[in-house]
């Protein structure tokens, strides 16, 4: 029996709940129907109705109309409440879409800025490298020019010194010194030739150092003594 009672109770509870909801919905509709019927009845009533009844009807109508208005307003509010979530979600979705769009645009701008910065950095490195290369080339050019000028000066100095010594070593075709050569020049020439004969094998650097001459001038002196017959070509020069 207890099980049967429990079974019927379980079945009756949902039925009672559904009936209660249905009754509440009917109760909400009744004020609106009263408002719709009573103005029609009031319009069809005879003009001879008493003032008391008219006043009662007016009071009743006045009492019902606010109720109907409140009921209608409640229905409107419920509809507005039902519509609000839809608009809320639409606005939220729109804001989310705008945020994603702004984030995407910010990433694009950041990538563009990064590429431009990288390009400027590479251009700066290339310009610095070109400048270094140009400076190095200019430095090498100046060094080469200075070396050429130095070589020209050395050659001119050697030629001038050779010309000075050559005037002291002028020899006639018979291999004798001219009579007007100064005694000092003759002594220097004698020492120069004797040094060569004595050592037989002479290093040009040592010969130049012995007589305080440059190596190139020493070579020119040797050629001059051999050509003039003062020195036989029987010695070895290094």
C-alpha atoms as a PDB file:
ATOM      1  CA  UNK A   1       0.000   0.000   0.000  1.00  0.00           C
ATOM      2  CA  UNK A   2       2.750   2.415   0.846  1.00  0.00           C
ATOM      3  CA  UNK A   3       4.354   1.790  -2.518  1.00  0.00           C
ATOM      4  CA  UNK A   4       1.051   2.421  -4.310  1.00  0.00           C
ATOM      5  CA  UNK A   5       0.516   5.655  -2.343  1.00  0.00           C
ATOM      6  CA  UNK A   6       4.040   6.758  -3.156  1.00  0.00           C
ATOM      7  CA  UNK A   7       3.470   5.965  -6.838  1.00  0.00           C
ATOM      8  CA  UNK A   8       0.247   8.012  -6.983  1.00  0.00           C
ATOM      9  CA  UNK A   9       1.943  10.854  -5.119  1.00  0.00           C
ATOM     10  CA  UNK A  10       4.761  10.955  -7.666  1.00  0.00           C
ATOM     11  CA  UNK A  11       2.226  11.026 -10.486  1.00  0.00           C
ATOM     12  CA  UNK A  12       0.007  13.682  -8.891  1.00  0.00           C
ATOM     13  CA  UNK A  13       2.752  16.169  -8.027  1.00  0.00           C
ATOM     14  CA  UNK A  14       3.637  17.041 -11.657  1.00  0.00           C
ATOM     15  CA  UNK A  15      -0.077  17.220 -12.512  1.00  0.00           C
ATOM     16  CA  UNK A  16      -0.740  19.602  -9.651  1.00  0.00           C
ATOM     17  CA  UNK A  17       2.261  21.721 -10.663  1.00  0.00           C
ATOM     18  CA  UNK A  18       1.015  21.962 -14.261  1.00  0.00           C
ATOM     19  CA  UNK A  19      -2.513  22.895 -13.062  1.00  0.00           C
ATOM     20  CA  UNK A  20      -1.083  25.571 -10.785  1.00  0.00           C
ATOM     21  CA  UNK A  21       0.866  27.125 -13.670  1.00  0.00           C
ATOM     22  CA  UNK A  22      -2.211  27.004 -15.912  1.00  0.00           C
ATOM     23  CA  UNK A  23      -4.335  28.716 -13.240  1.00  0.00           C
ATOM     24  CA  UNK A  24      -1.800  31.460 -12.819  1.00  0.00           C
ATOM     25  CA  UNK A  25      -1.707  32.070 -16.548  1.00  0.00           C
ATOM     26  CA  UNK A  26      -5.549  32.272 -16.617  1.00  0.00           C
ATOM     27  CA  UNK A  27      -5.505  34.706 -13.694  1.00  0.00           C
ATOM     28  CA  UNK A  28      -3.104  36.952 -15.611  1.00  0.00           C
ATOM     29  CA  UNK A  29      -5.357  36.984 -18.683  1.00  0.00           C
ATOM     30  CA  UNK A  30      -8.671  37.764 -16.803  1.00  0.00           C
ATOM     31  CA  UNK A  31      -7.952  41.463 -15.990  1.00  0.00           C
ATOM     32  CA  UNK A  32      -7.206  42.183 -19.622  1.00  0.00           C
ATOM     33  CA  UNK A  33     -10.489  40.531 -20.692  1.00  0.00           C
ATOM     34  CA  UNK A  34     -12.446  42.522 -18.085  1.00  0.00           C
ATOM     35  CA  UNK A  35     -10.937  45.718 -19.393  1.00  0.00           C
ATOM     36  CA  UNK A  36     -11.965  44.798 -22.926  1.00  0.00           C
ATOM     37  CA  UNK A  37     -15.595  43.803 -22.004  1.00  0.00           C
ATOM     38  CA  UNK A  38     -16.514  46.508 -19.489  1.00  0.00           C
ATOM     39  CA  UNK A  39     -15.940  49.541 -21.800  1.00  0.00           C
ATOM     40  CA  UNK A  40     -18.304  47.886 -24.359  1.00  0.00           C
ATOM     41  CA  UNK A  41     -20.986  47.288 -21.695  1.00  0.00           C
ATOM     42  CA  UNK A  42     -20.630  50.841 -20.471  1.00  0.00           C
ATOM     43  CA  UNK A  43     -21.089  52.204 -24.000  1.00  0.00           C
ATOM     44  CA  UNK A  44     -24.255  50.083 -24.565  1.00  0.00           C
ATOM     45  CA  UNK A  45     -25.902  51.008 -21.225  1.00  0.00           C
ATOM     46  CA  UNK A  46     -28.991  53.296 -21.444  1.00  0.00           C
ATOM     47  CA  UNK A  47     -28.559  56.955 -20.755  1.00  0.00           C
ATOM     48  CA  UNK A  48     -31.167  56.770 -18.027  1.00  0.00           C
ATOM     49  CA  UNK A  49     -28.862  54.820 -15.641  1.00  0.00           C
ATOM     50  CA  UNK A  50     -28.654  56.403 -12.216  1.00  0.00           C
ATOM     51  CA  UNK A  51     -25.755  58.569 -11.138  1.00  0.00           C
ATOM     52  CA  UNK A  52     -24.848  56.166  -8.358  1.00  0.00           C
ATOM     53  CA  UNK A  53     -24.588  53.209 -10.692  1.00  0.00           C
ATOM     54  CA  UNK A  54     -22.623  55.312 -13.158  1.00  0.00           C
ATOM     55  CA  UNK A  55     -20.224  56.357 -10.441  1.00  0.00           C
ATOM     56  CA  UNK A  56     -19.837  52.786  -9.295  1.00  0.00           C
ATOM     57  CA  UNK A  57     -19.120  51.716 -12.856  1.00  0.00           C
ATOM     58  CA  UNK A  58     -16.630  54.538 -13.223  1.00  0.00           C
ATOM     59  CA  UNK A  59     -14.930  53.505  -9.985  1.00  0.00           C
ATOM     60  CA  UNK A  60     -14.865  49.903 -11.097  1.00  0.00           C
ATOM     61  CA  UNK A  61     -13.541  50.874 -14.506  1.00  0.00           C
ATOM     62  CA  UNK A  62     -10.925  53.078 -12.876  1.00  0.00           C
ATOM     63  CA  UNK A  63      -9.891  50.229 -10.595  1.00  0.00           C
ATOM     64  CA  UNK A  64      -9.738  47.717 -13.404  1.00  0.00           C
ATOM     65  CA  UNK A  65      -7.883  49.904 -15.898  1.00  0.00           C
ATOM     66  CA  UNK A  66      -4.799  50.339 -13.716  1.00  0.00           C
ATOM     67  CA  UNK A  67      -4.856  46.630 -13.053  1.00  0.00           C
ATOM     68  CA  UNK A  68      -5.030  45.961 -16.774  1.00  0.00           C
ATOM     69  CA  UNK A  69      -2.351  48.557 -17.394  1.00  0.00           C
ATOM     70  CA  UNK A  70      -0.156  46.997 -14.778  1.00  0.00           C
ATOM     71  CA  UNK A  71      -0.845  43.588 -16.224  1.00  0.00           C
ATOM     72  CA  UNK A  72      -0.109  44.816 -19.745  1.00  0.00           C
ATOM     73  CA  UNK A  73       2.972  46.616 -18.468  1.00  0.00           C
ATOM     74  CA  UNK A  74       4.096  43.436 -16.764  1.00  0.00           C
ATOM     75  CA  UNK A  75       3.741  41.518 -20.006  1.00  0.00           C
ATOM     76  CA  UNK A  76       5.678  44.245 -21.818  1.00  0.00           C
ATOM     77  CA  UNK A  77       8.384  44.184 -19.175  1.00  0.00           C
ATOM     78  CA  UNK A  78       8.657  40.437 -19.497  1.00  0.00           C
ATOM     79  CA  UNK A  79       8.997  40.791 -23.267  1.00  0.00           C
ATOM     80  CA  UNK A  80      11.636  43.492 -22.804  1.00  0.00           C
ATOM     81  CA  UNK A  81      13.417  41.283 -20.287  1.00  0.00           C
ATOM     82  CA  UNK A  82      13.304  38.461 -22.786  1.00  0.00           C
ATOM     83  CA  UNK A  83      14.640  40.721 -25.562  1.00  0.00           C
ATOM     84  CA  UNK A  84      17.452  42.181 -23.447  1.00  0.00           C
ATOM     85  CA  UNK A  85      19.600  39.029 -23.373  1.00  0.00           C
ATOM     86  CA  UNK A  86      19.537  38.785 -27.176  1.00  0.00           C
ATOM     87  CA  UNK A  87      20.687  42.399 -27.617  1.00  0.00           C
ATOM     88  CA  UNK A  88      23.247  41.926 -24.867  1.00  0.00           C
ATOM     89  CA  UNK A  89      24.832  38.948 -26.587  1.00  0.00           C
ATOM     90  CA  UNK A  90      24.807  40.746 -29.940  1.00  0.00           C
ATOM     91  CA  UNK A  91      26.602  43.740 -28.409  1.00  0.00           C
ATOM     92  CA  UNK A  92      29.061  41.452 -26.651  1.00  0.00           C
ATOM     93  CA  UNK A  93      29.799  39.576 -29.875  1.00  0.00           C
ATOM     94  CA  UNK A  94      30.270  42.895 -31.688  1.00  0.00           C
ATOM     95  CA  UNK A  95      32.687  44.136 -29.032  1.00  0.00           C
ATOM     96  CA  UNK A  96      34.618  40.871 -29.156  1.00  0.00           C
ATOM     97  CA  UNK A  97      34.830  41.109 -32.948  1.00  0.00           C
ATOM     98  CA  UNK A  98      36.042  44.717 -32.731  1.00  0.00           C
ATOM     99  CA  UNK A  99      38.646  43.728 -30.124  1.00  0.00           C
ATOM    100  CA  UNK A 100      39.950  40.943 -32.381  1.00  0.00           C
ATOM    101  CA  UNK A 101      40.058  43.343 -35.320  1.00  0.00           C
ATOM    102  CA  UNK A 102      41.996  45.912 -33.293  1.00  0.00           C
ATOM    103  CA  UNK A 103      44.387  43.236 -32.045  1.00  0.00           C
ATOM    104  CA  UNK A 104      44.984  42.036 -35.599  1.00  0.00           C
ATOM    105  CA  UNK A 105      45.624  45.593 -36.783  1.00  0.00           C
ATOM    106  CA  UNK A 106      48.032  46.173 -33.879  1.00  0.00           C
ATOM    107  CA  UNK A 107      49.973  43.003 -34.801  1.00  0.00           C
ATOM    108  CA  UNK A 108      50.119  44.130 -38.434  1.00  0.00           C
ATOM    109  CA  UNK A 109      51.411  47.558 -37.473  1.00  0.00           C
ATOM    110  CA  UNK A 110      54.005  45.963 -35.152  1.00  0.00           C
ATOM    111  CA  UNK A 111      55.220  43.670 -37.948  1.00  0.00           C
ATOM    112  CA  UNK A 112      55.494  46.625 -40.341  1.00  0.00           C
ATOM    113  CA  UNK A 113      57.456  48.609 -37.754  1.00  0.00           C
ATOM    114  CA  UNK A 114      59.763  45.636 -37.119  1.00  0.00           C
ATOM    115  CA  UNK A 115      60.434  45.194 -40.851  1.00  0.00           C
ATOM    116  CA  UNK A 116      61.145  48.893 -41.269  1.00  0.00           C
ATOM    117  CA  UNK A 117      63.507  48.896 -38.275  1.00  0.00           C
ATOM    118  CA  UNK A 118      65.338  45.851 -39.658  1.00  0.00           C
ATOM    119  CA  UNK A 119      65.611  47.464 -43.091  1.00  0.00           C
ATOM    120  CA  UNK A 120      66.959  50.693 -41.591  1.00  0.00           C
ATOM    121  CA  UNK A 121      69.477  48.709 -39.533  1.00  0.00           C
ATOM    122  CA  UNK A 122      70.705  46.825 -42.603  1.00  0.00           C
ATOM    123  CA  UNK A 123      70.959  50.070 -44.564  1.00  0.00           C
ATOM    124  CA  UNK A 124      72.954  51.621 -41.728  1.00  0.00           C
ATOM    125  CA  UNK A 125      75.349  48.643 -41.656  1.00  0.00           C
ATOM    126  CA  UNK A 126      75.767  48.790 -45.440  1.00  0.00           C
ATOM    127  CA  UNK A 127      76.465  52.537 -45.344  1.00  0.00           C
ATOM    128  CA  UNK A 128      79.022  52.089 -42.560  1.00  0.00           C
ATOM    129  CA  UNK A 129      80.721  49.269 -44.496  1.00  0.00           C
ATOM    130  CA  UNK A 130      80.869  51.389 -47.676  1.00  0.00           C
ATOM    131  CA  UNK A 131      82.347  54.261 -45.694  1.00  0.00           C
ATOM    132  CA  UNK A 132      85.020  52.005 -44.164  1.00  0.00           C
ATOM    133  CA  UNK A 133      85.881  50.620 -47.589  1.00  0.00           C
ATOM    134  CA  UNK A 134      86.165  54.109 -49.056  1.00  0.00           C
ATOM    135  CA  UNK A 135      88.364  55.249 -46.164  1.00  0.00           C
ATOM    136  CA  UNK A 136      90.579  52.176 -46.558  1.00  0.00           C
ATOM    137  CA  UNK A 137      90.898  52.757 -50.304  1.00  0.00           C
ATOM    138  CA  UNK A 138      91.749  56.413 -49.721  1.00  0.00           C
ATOM    139  CA  UNK A 139      94.337  55.446 -47.123  1.00  0.00           C
ATOM    140  CA  UNK A 140      95.919  52.919 -49.488  1.00  0.00           C
ATOM    141  CA  UNK A 141      95.962  55.498 -52.267  1.00  0.00           C
ATOM    142  CA  UNK A 142      97.682  58.043 -50.040  1.00  0.00           C
ATOM    143  CA  UNK A 143     100.226  55.445 -48.916  1.00  0.00           C
ATOM    144  CA  UNK A 144     100.993  54.503 -52.518  1.00  0.00           C
ATOM    145  CA  UNK A 145     101.305  58.144 -53.504  1.00  0.00           C
ATOM    146  CA  UNK A 146     103.579  58.836 -50.541  1.00  0.00           C
ATOM    147  CA  UNK A 147     105.693  55.780 -51.430  1.00  0.00           C
ATOM    148  CA  UNK A 148     106.044  56.985 -55.027  1.00  0.00           C
ATOM    149  CA  UNK A 149     107.032  60.452 -53.900  1.00  0.00           C
ATOM    150  CA  UNK A 150     109.547  59.000 -51.452  1.00  0.00           C
ATOM    151  CA  UNK A 151     111.012  56.831 -54.168  1.00  0.00           C
ATOM    152  CA  UNK A 152     111.311  59.825 -56.487  1.00  0.00           C
ATOM    153  CA  UNK A 153     113.039  61.827 -53.763  1.00  0.00           C
ATOM    154  CA  UNK A 154     115.444  58.986 -53.031  1.00  0.00           C
ATOM    155  CA  UNK A 155     116.261  58.569 -56.697  1.00  0.00           C
ATOM    156  CA  UNK A 156     116.831  62.294 -57.089  1.00  0.00           C
ATOM    157  CA  UNK A 157     119.052  62.352 -54.023  1.00  0.00           C
ATOM    158  CA  UNK A 158     120.993  59.319 -55.283  1.00  0.00           C
ATOM    159  CA  UNK A 159     121.455  60.888 -58.683  1.00  0.00           C
ATOM    160  CA  UNK A 160     122.620  64.135 -57.131  1.00  0.00           C
ATOM    161  CA  UNK A 161     125.089  62.293 -54.924  1.00  0.00           C
ATOM    162  CA  UNK A 162     126.258  60.193 -57.852  1.00  0.00           C
ATOM    163  CA  UNK A 163     126.791  63.300 -59.934  1.00  0.00           C
ATOM    164  CA  UNK A 164     128.868  64.769 -57.117  1.00  0.00           C
ATOM    165  CA  UNK A 165     131.012  61.628 -56.845  1.00  0.00           C
ATOM    166  CA  UNK A 166     131.174  61.246 -60.598  1.00  0.00           C
ATOM    167  CA  UNK A 167     132.936  64.586 -60.879  1.00  0.00           C
ATOM    168  CA  UNK A 168     135.637  63.180 -58.597  1.00  0.00           C
ATOM    169  CA  UNK A 169     136.006  59.937 -60.568  1.00  0.00           C
ATOM    170  CA  UNK A 170     136.344  61.285 -64.091  1.00  0.00           C
ATOM    171  CA  UNK A 171     138.917  59.098 -65.837  1.00  0.00           C
ATOM    172  CA  UNK A 172     140.505  59.452 -69.241  1.00  0.00           C
ATOM    173  CA  UNK A 173     140.497  56.652 -71.820  1.00  0.00           C
ATOM    174  CA  UNK A 174     144.018  55.466 -70.783  1.00  0.00           C
ATOM    175  CA  UNK A 175     142.922  54.798 -67.230  1.00  0.00           C
ATOM    176  CA  UNK A 176     144.758  57.714 -65.571  1.00  0.00           C
ATOM    177  CA  UNK A 177     143.259  60.418 -63.427  1.00  0.00           C
ATOM    178  CA  UNK A 178     143.046  63.920 -64.773  1.00  0.00           C
ATOM    179  CA  UNK A 179     145.689  66.280 -63.529  1.00  0.00           C
ATOM    180  CA  UNK A 180     143.205  68.782 -62.054  1.00  0.00           C
ATOM    181  CA  UNK A 181     141.442  66.269 -59.730  1.00  0.00           C
ATOM    182  CA  UNK A 182     141.740  67.336 -56.174  1.00  0.00           C
ATOM    183  CA  UNK A 183     143.947  65.413 -53.828  1.00  0.00           C
ATOM    184  CA  UNK A 184     141.100  64.502 -51.522  1.00  0.00           C
ATOM    185  CA  UNK A 185     139.053  63.016 -54.311  1.00  0.00           C
ATOM    186  CA  UNK A 186     142.058  60.996 -55.484  1.00  0.00           C
ATOM    187  CA  UNK A 187     142.585  59.663 -52.010  1.00  0.00           C
ATOM    188  CA  UNK A 188     138.904  58.712 -51.732  1.00  0.00           C
ATOM    189  CA  UNK A 189     139.007  56.980 -55.102  1.00  0.00           C
ATOM    190  CA  UNK A 190     142.175  55.142 -54.149  1.00  0.00           C
ATOM    191  CA  UNK A 191     140.667  53.972 -50.891  1.00  0.00           C
ATOM    192  CA  UNK A 192     137.495  52.888 -52.689  1.00  0.00           C
ATOM    193  CA  UNK A 193     139.422  50.812 -55.243  1.00  0.00           C
ATOM    194  CA  UNK A 194     141.856  49.385 -52.706  1.00  0.00           C
ATOM    195  CA  UNK A 195     139.008  48.300 -50.485  1.00  0.00           C
ATOM    196  CA  UNK A 196     137.456  46.421 -53.382  1.00  0.00           C
ATOM    197  CA  UNK A 197     140.776  44.800 -54.391  1.00  0.00           C
ATOM    198  CA  UNK A 198     141.531  43.835 -50.857  1.00  0.00           C
ATOM    199  CA  UNK A 199     138.269  42.062 -50.117  1.00  0.00           C
ATOM    200  CA  UNK A 200     137.748  40.566 -53.602  1.00  0.00           C
ATOM    201  CA  UNK A 201     134.223  39.501 -52.647  1.00  0.00           C
ATOM    202  CA  UNK A 202     132.408  42.593 -51.393  1.00  0.00           C
ATOM    203  CA  UNK A 203     128.875  43.040 -50.130  1.00  0.00           C
ATOM    204  CA  UNK A 204     127.393  46.188 -51.592  1.00  0.00           C
ATOM    205  CA  UNK A 205     125.794  47.091 -48.259  1.00  0.00           C
ATOM    206  CA  UNK A 206     129.180  46.837 -46.499  1.00  0.00           C
ATOM    207  CA  UNK A 207     130.866  48.884 -49.212  1.00  0.00           C
ATOM    208  CA  UNK A 208     128.230  51.583 -48.919  1.00  0.00           C
ATOM    209  CA  UNK A 209     128.529  51.598 -45.131  1.00  0.00           C
ATOM    210  CA  UNK A 210     132.340  51.845 -45.304  1.00  0.00           C
ATOM    211  CA  UNK A 211     132.201  55.034 -47.355  1.00  0.00           C
ATOM    212  CA  UNK A 212     128.924  56.382 -45.950  1.00  0.00           C
ATOM    213  CA  UNK A 213     127.177  55.945 -49.260  1.00  0.00           C
ATOM    214  CA  UNK A 214     123.862  54.556 -50.305  1.00  0.00           C
ATOM    215  CA  UNK A 215     123.819  51.113 -51.856  1.00  0.00           C
ATOM    216  CA  UNK A 216     122.586  52.429 -55.191  1.00  0.00           C
ATOM    217  CA  UNK A 217     125.352  55.080 -55.249  1.00  0.00           C
ATOM    218  CA  UNK A 218     127.949  52.432 -54.456  1.00  0.00           C
ATOM    219  CA  UNK A 219     126.751  50.375 -57.405  1.00  0.00           C
ATOM    220  CA  UNK A 220     126.993  53.405 -59.670  1.00  0.00           C
ATOM    221  CA  UNK A 221     130.548  54.082 -58.428  1.00  0.00           C
ATOM    222  CA  UNK A 222     131.549  50.509 -59.183  1.00  0.00           C
ATOM    223  CA  UNK A 223     130.134  50.744 -62.684  1.00  0.00           C
ATOM    224  CA  UNK A 224     131.961  54.008 -63.186  1.00  0.00           C
ATOM    225  CA  UNK A 225     135.339  52.648 -62.007  1.00  0.00           C
ATOM    226  CA  UNK A 226     135.022  49.546 -64.175  1.00  0.00           C
ATOM    227  CA  UNK A 227     133.955  51.571 -67.194  1.00  0.00           C
ATOM    228  CA  UNK A 228     136.821  54.029 -66.684  1.00  0.00           C
ATOM    229  CA  UNK A 229     139.449  51.307 -66.327  1.00  0.00           C
ATOM    230  CA  UNK A 230     140.338  52.102 -62.752  1.00  0.00           C
ATOM    231  CA  UNK A 231     139.021  48.771 -61.589  1.00  0.00           C
ATOM    232  CA  UNK A 232     139.234  45.466 -63.362  1.00  0.00           C
ATOM    233  CA  UNK A 233     136.128  43.351 -63.441  1.00  0.00           C
ATOM    234  CA  UNK A 234     137.728  40.635 -61.371  1.00  0.00           C
ATOM    235  CA  UNK A 235     135.950  41.143 -58.073  1.00  0.00           C
ATOM    236  CA  UNK A 236     132.762  39.622 -56.798  1.00  0.00           C
ATOM    237  CA  UNK A 237     129.934  41.844 -55.586  1.00  0.00           C
ATOM    238  CA  UNK A 238     127.021  40.678 -53.441  1.00  0.00           C
END
